[in-house]
Amino acid sequence: MKDYRELYIQGILDIAEEHGLDYTREQLDPMPEDELIALRDRLRMKYENIHFKRYC
């Protein structure tokens, strides 16, 4: 079975790096998987909206 938890963490870290946010693996490791998913989704929505507004 694939480790989706690691993919969620990496997705958050990628967004954080791209936008200068202060998230670290040490902060994210103890979080439950459902919280990781929610955080990743919130970050995606926030920063996708910024990119969308920038090009409109």
PDB file of N, CA and C in Angstrom:
ATOM      1  N   MET A   1       0.840  -1.186   0.000  1.00  0.00           N
ATOM      2  CA  MET A   1       0.000   0.000   0.000  1.00  0.00           C
ATOM      3  C   MET A   1       0.885   1.249   0.000  1.00  0.00           C
ATOM      4  N   LYS A   2       0.516   2.204  -0.778  1.00  0.00           N
ATOM      5  CA  LYS A   2       1.284   3.437  -0.900  1.00  0.00           C
ATOM      6  C   LYS A   2       1.119   4.295   0.357  1.00  0.00           C
ATOM      7  N   ASP A   3       2.172   5.008   0.710  1.00  0.00           N
ATOM      8  CA  ASP A   3       2.128   5.864   1.891  1.00  0.00           C
ATOM      9  C   ASP A   3       1.618   7.250   1.491  1.00  0.00           C
ATOM     10  N   TYR A   4       0.312   7.428   1.557  1.00  0.00           N
ATOM     11  CA  TYR A   4      -0.286   8.700   1.173  1.00  0.00           C
ATOM     12  C   TYR A   4       0.061   9.803   2.156  1.00  0.00           C
ATOM     13  N   ARG A   5       0.266   9.446   3.402  1.00  0.00           N
ATOM     14  CA  ARG A   5       0.634  10.422   4.427  1.00  0.00           C
ATOM     15  C   ARG A   5       1.885  11.200   3.986  1.00  0.00           C
ATOM     16  N   GLU A   6       2.866  10.489   3.469  1.00  0.00           N
ATOM     17  CA  GLU A   6       4.100  11.131   3.012  1.00  0.00           C
ATOM     18  C   GLU A   6       3.818  12.070   1.833  1.00  0.00           C
ATOM     19  N   LEU A   7       2.906  11.681   0.963  1.00  0.00           N
ATOM     20  CA  LEU A   7       2.538  12.549  -0.162  1.00  0.00           C
ATOM     21  C   LEU A   7       1.855  13.828   0.319  1.00  0.00           C
ATOM     22  N   TYR A   8       0.989  13.711   1.339  1.00  0.00           N
ATOM     23  CA  TYR A   8       0.317  14.888   1.892  1.00  0.00           C
ATOM     24  C   TYR A   8       1.344  15.842   2.499  1.00  0.00           C
ATOM     25  N   ILE A   9       2.275  15.287   3.270  1.00  0.00           N
ATOM     26  CA  ILE A   9       3.308  16.114   3.905  1.00  0.00           C
ATOM     27  C   ILE A   9       4.161  16.797   2.843  1.00  0.00           C
ATOM     28  N   GLN A  10       4.566  16.053   1.831  1.00  0.00           N
ATOM     29  CA  GLN A  10       5.401  16.637   0.781  1.00  0.00           C
ATOM     30  C   GLN A  10       4.650  17.725   0.023  1.00  0.00           C
ATOM     31  N   GLY A  11       3.359  17.522  -0.198  1.00  0.00           N
ATOM     32  CA  GLY A  11       2.553  18.542  -0.867  1.00  0.00           C
ATOM     33  C   GLY A  11       2.497  19.838  -0.074  1.00  0.00           C
ATOM     34  N   ILE A  12       2.323  19.725   1.244  1.00  0.00           N
ATOM     35  CA  ILE A  12       2.299  20.902   2.109  1.00  0.00           C
ATOM     36  C   ILE A  12       3.653  21.595   2.094  1.00  0.00           C
ATOM     37  N   LEU A  13       4.719  20.811   2.198  1.00  0.00           N
ATOM     38  CA  LEU A  13       6.066  21.391   2.208  1.00  0.00           C
ATOM     39  C   LEU A  13       6.390  22.081   0.884  1.00  0.00           C
ATOM     40  N   ASP A  14       5.915  21.521  -0.228  1.00  0.00           N
ATOM     41  CA  ASP A  14       6.141  22.145  -1.537  1.00  0.00           C
ATOM     42  C   ASP A  14       5.448  23.505  -1.627  1.00  0.00           C
ATOM     43  N   ILE A  15       4.186  23.560  -1.176  1.00  0.00           N
ATOM     44  CA  ILE A  15       3.447  24.825  -1.187  1.00  0.00           C
ATOM     45  C   ILE A  15       4.132  25.826  -0.261  1.00  0.00           C
ATOM     46  N   ALA A  16       4.547  25.356   0.908  1.00  0.00           N
ATOM     47  CA  ALA A  16       5.207  26.232   1.883  1.00  0.00           C
ATOM     48  C   ALA A  16       6.492  26.816   1.315  1.00  0.00           C
ATOM     49  N   GLU A  17       7.270  25.991   0.654  1.00  0.00           N
ATOM     50  CA  GLU A  17       8.528  26.471   0.077  1.00  0.00           C
ATOM     51  C   GLU A  17       8.275  27.490  -1.033  1.00  0.00           C
ATOM     52  N   GLU A  18       7.300  27.198  -1.868  1.00  0.00           N
ATOM     53  CA  GLU A  18       7.001  28.075  -3.001  1.00  0.00           C
ATOM     54  C   GLU A  18       6.522  29.456  -2.554  1.00  0.00           C
ATOM     55  N   HIS A  19       5.813  29.505  -1.416  1.00  0.00           N
ATOM     56  CA  HIS A  19       5.200  30.762  -0.982  1.00  0.00           C
ATOM     57  C   HIS A  19       5.822  31.329   0.291  1.00  0.00           C
ATOM     58  N   GLY A  20       6.942  30.790   0.715  1.00  0.00           N
ATOM     59  CA  GLY A  20       7.647  31.328   1.874  1.00  0.00           C
ATOM     60  C   GLY A  20       6.933  31.118   3.196  1.00  0.00           C
ATOM     61  N   LEU A  21       6.185  30.030   3.311  1.00  0.00           N
ATOM     62  CA  LEU A  21       5.472  29.728   4.555  1.00  0.00           C
ATOM     63  C   LEU A  21       6.369  28.936   5.494  1.00  0.00           C
ATOM     64  N   ASP A  22       6.060  29.000   6.774  1.00  0.00           N
ATOM     65  CA  ASP A  22       6.913  28.395   7.793  1.00  0.00           C
ATOM     66  C   ASP A  22       6.324  27.062   8.273  1.00  0.00           C
ATOM     67  N   TYR A  23       6.380  26.044   7.436  1.00  0.00           N
ATOM     68  CA  TYR A  23       5.983  24.692   7.827  1.00  0.00           C
ATOM     69  C   TYR A  23       7.203  23.795   7.721  1.00  0.00           C
ATOM     70  N   THR A  24       7.375  22.913   8.709  1.00  0.00           N
ATOM     71  CA  THR A  24       8.492  21.971   8.694  1.00  0.00           C
ATOM     72  C   THR A  24       7.955  20.557   8.846  1.00  0.00           C
ATOM     73  N   ARG A  25       8.754  19.600   8.440  1.00  0.00           N
ATOM     74  CA  ARG A  25       8.381  18.198   8.582  1.00  0.00           C
ATOM     75  C   ARG A  25       8.132  17.854  10.056  1.00  0.00           C
ATOM     76  N   GLU A  26       8.935  18.451  10.950  1.00  0.00           N
ATOM     77  CA  GLU A  26       8.787  18.179  12.380  1.00  0.00           C
ATOM     78  C   GLU A  26       7.426  18.646  12.898  1.00  0.00           C
ATOM     79  N   GLN A  27       6.891  19.724  12.336  1.00  0.00           N
ATOM     80  CA  GLN A  27       5.560  20.201  12.715  1.00  0.00           C
ATOM     81  C   GLN A  27       4.477  19.278  12.167  1.00  0.00           C
ATOM     82  N   LEU A  28       4.690  18.763  10.975  1.00  0.00           N
ATOM     83  CA  LEU A  28       3.642  18.022  10.280  1.00  0.00           C
ATOM     84  C   LEU A  28       3.584  16.548  10.672  1.00  0.00           C
ATOM     85  N   ASP A  29       4.715  15.947  11.033  1.00  0.00           N
ATOM     86  CA  ASP A  29       4.755  14.512  11.342  1.00  0.00           C
ATOM     87  C   ASP A  29       3.750  14.073  12.407  1.00  0.00           C
ATOM     88  N   PRO A  30       3.585  14.811  13.518  1.00  0.00           N
ATOM     89  CA  PRO A  30       2.645  14.330  14.536  1.00  0.00           C
ATOM     90  C   PRO A  30       1.166  14.555  14.200  1.00  0.00           C
ATOM     91  N   MET A  31       0.875  15.301  13.152  1.00  0.00           N
ATOM     92  CA  MET A  31      -0.522  15.597  12.816  1.00  0.00           C
ATOM     93  C   MET A  31      -1.226  14.358  12.265  1.00  0.00           C
ATOM     94  N   PRO A  32      -2.503  14.170  12.626  1.00  0.00           N
ATOM     95  CA  PRO A  32      -3.277  13.069  12.041  1.00  0.00           C
ATOM     96  C   PRO A  32      -3.467  13.277  10.536  1.00  0.00           C
ATOM     97  N   GLU A  33      -3.686  12.181   9.831  1.00  0.00           N
ATOM     98  CA  GLU A  33      -3.793  12.232   8.371  1.00  0.00           C
ATOM     99  C   GLU A  33      -4.925  13.143   7.906  1.00  0.00           C
ATOM    100  N   ASP A  34      -6.070  13.123   8.594  1.00  0.00           N
ATOM    101  CA  ASP A  34      -7.189  13.967   8.166  1.00  0.00           C
ATOM    102  C   ASP A  34      -6.867  15.455   8.309  1.00  0.00           C
ATOM    103  N   GLU A  35      -6.074  15.826   9.318  1.00  0.00           N
ATOM    104  CA  GLU A  35      -5.658  17.223   9.463  1.00  0.00           C
ATOM    105  C   GLU A  35      -4.664  17.618   8.370  1.00  0.00           C
ATOM    106  N   LEU A  36      -3.797  16.686   7.990  1.00  0.00           N
ATOM    107  CA  LEU A  36      -2.855  16.957   6.897  1.00  0.00           C
ATOM    108  C   LEU A  36      -3.605  17.219   5.592  1.00  0.00           C
ATOM    109  N   ILE A  37      -4.612  16.400   5.334  1.00  0.00           N
ATOM    110  CA  ILE A  37      -5.408  16.560   4.115  1.00  0.00           C
ATOM    111  C   ILE A  37      -6.105  17.920   4.121  1.00  0.00           C
ATOM    112  N   ALA A  38      -6.698  18.276   5.264  1.00  0.00           N
ATOM    113  CA  ALA A  38      -7.411  19.550   5.367  1.00  0.00           C
ATOM    114  C   ALA A  38      -6.457  20.732   5.176  1.00  0.00           C
ATOM    115  N   LEU A  39      -5.284  20.669   5.795  1.00  0.00           N
ATOM    116  CA  LEU A  39      -4.297  21.742   5.664  1.00  0.00           C
ATOM    117  C   LEU A  39      -3.829  21.873   4.220  1.00  0.00           C
ATOM    118  N   ARG A  40      -3.517  20.749   3.601  1.00  0.00           N
ATOM    119  CA  ARG A  40      -3.068  20.778   2.202  1.00  0.00           C
ATOM    120  C   ARG A  40      -4.146  21.384   1.303  1.00  0.00           C
ATOM    121  N   ASP A  41      -5.390  20.989   1.523  1.00  0.00           N
ATOM    122  CA  ASP A  41      -6.482  21.509   0.703  1.00  0.00           C
ATOM    123  C   ASP A  41      -6.693  23.004   0.916  1.00  0.00           C
ATOM    124  N   ARG A  42      -6.605  23.464   2.178  1.00  0.00           N
ATOM    125  CA  ARG A  42      -6.753  24.902   2.453  1.00  0.00           C
ATOM    126  C   ARG A  42      -5.639  25.702   1.787  1.00  0.00           C
ATOM    127  N   LEU A  43      -4.416  25.205   1.877  1.00  0.00           N
ATOM    128  CA  LEU A  43      -3.293  25.907   1.245  1.00  0.00           C
ATOM    129  C   LEU A  43      -3.449  25.941  -0.266  1.00  0.00           C
ATOM    130  N   ARG A  44      -3.877  24.826  -0.831  1.00  0.00           N
ATOM    131  CA  ARG A  44      -4.087  24.782  -2.286  1.00  0.00           C
ATOM    132  C   ARG A  44      -5.126  25.802  -2.715  1.00  0.00           C
ATOM    133  N   MET A  45      -6.265  25.827  -2.005  1.00  0.00           N
ATOM    134  CA  MET A  45      -7.328  26.759  -2.383  1.00  0.00           C
ATOM    135  C   MET A  45      -6.862  28.202  -2.245  1.00  0.00           C
ATOM    136  N   LYS A  46      -6.173  28.513  -1.166  1.00  0.00           N
ATOM    137  CA  LYS A  46      -5.718  29.885  -0.942  1.00  0.00           C
ATOM    138  C   LYS A  46      -4.735  30.325  -2.017  1.00  0.00           C
ATOM    139  N   TYR A  47      -3.753  29.501  -2.313  1.00  0.00           N
ATOM    140  CA  TYR A  47      -2.715  29.922  -3.242  1.00  0.00           C
ATOM    141  C   TYR A  47      -3.105  29.726  -4.695  1.00  0.00           C
ATOM    142  N   GLU A  48      -4.023  28.809  -4.990  1.00  0.00           N
ATOM    143  CA  GLU A  48      -4.533  28.719  -6.356  1.00  0.00           C
ATOM    144  C   GLU A  48      -5.372  29.949  -6.662  1.00  0.00           C
ATOM    145  N   ASN A  49      -6.120  30.444  -5.672  1.00  0.00           N
ATOM    146  CA  ASN A  49      -6.919  31.655  -5.873  1.00  0.00           C
ATOM    147  C   ASN A  49      -6.023  32.856  -6.116  1.00  0.00           C
ATOM    148  N   ILE A  50      -4.903  32.953  -5.412  1.00  0.00           N
ATOM    149  CA  ILE A  50      -3.962  34.051  -5.629  1.00  0.00           C
ATOM    150  C   ILE A  50      -3.445  34.011  -7.063  1.00  0.00           C
ATOM    151  N   HIS A  51      -3.056  32.828  -7.525  1.00  0.00           N
ATOM    152  CA  HIS A  51      -2.549  32.708  -8.891  1.00  0.00           C
ATOM    153  C   HIS A  51      -3.640  33.042  -9.904  1.00  0.00           C
ATOM    154  N   PHE A  52      -4.864  32.603  -9.623  1.00  0.00           N
ATOM    155  CA  PHE A  52      -5.968  32.866 -10.534  1.00  0.00           C
ATOM    156  C   PHE A  52      -6.222  34.370 -10.634  1.00  0.00           C
ATOM    157  N   LYS A  53      -6.260  35.062  -9.494  1.00  0.00           N
ATOM    158  CA  LYS A  53      -6.514  36.501  -9.493  1.00  0.00           C
ATOM    159  C   LYS A  53      -5.381  37.260 -10.173  1.00  0.00           C
ATOM    160  N   ARG A  54      -4.181  36.774 -10.021  1.00  0.00           N
ATOM    161  CA  ARG A  54      -3.021  37.444 -10.596  1.00  0.00           C
ATOM    162  C   ARG A  54      -3.110  37.461 -12.127  1.00  0.00           C
ATOM    163  N   TYR A  55      -3.688  36.431 -12.730  1.00  0.00           N
ATOM    164  CA  TYR A  55      -3.723  36.330 -14.189  1.00  0.00           C
ATOM    165  C   TYR A  55      -5.014  36.849 -14.795  1.00  0.00           C
ATOM    166  N   CYS A  56      -5.960  37.261 -13.972  1.00  0.00           N
ATOM    167  CA  CYS A  56      -7.235  37.756 -14.508  1.00  0.00           C
ATOM    168  C   CYS A  56      -7.254  39.263 -14.607  1.00  0.00           C
TER     169      CYS A  56
END
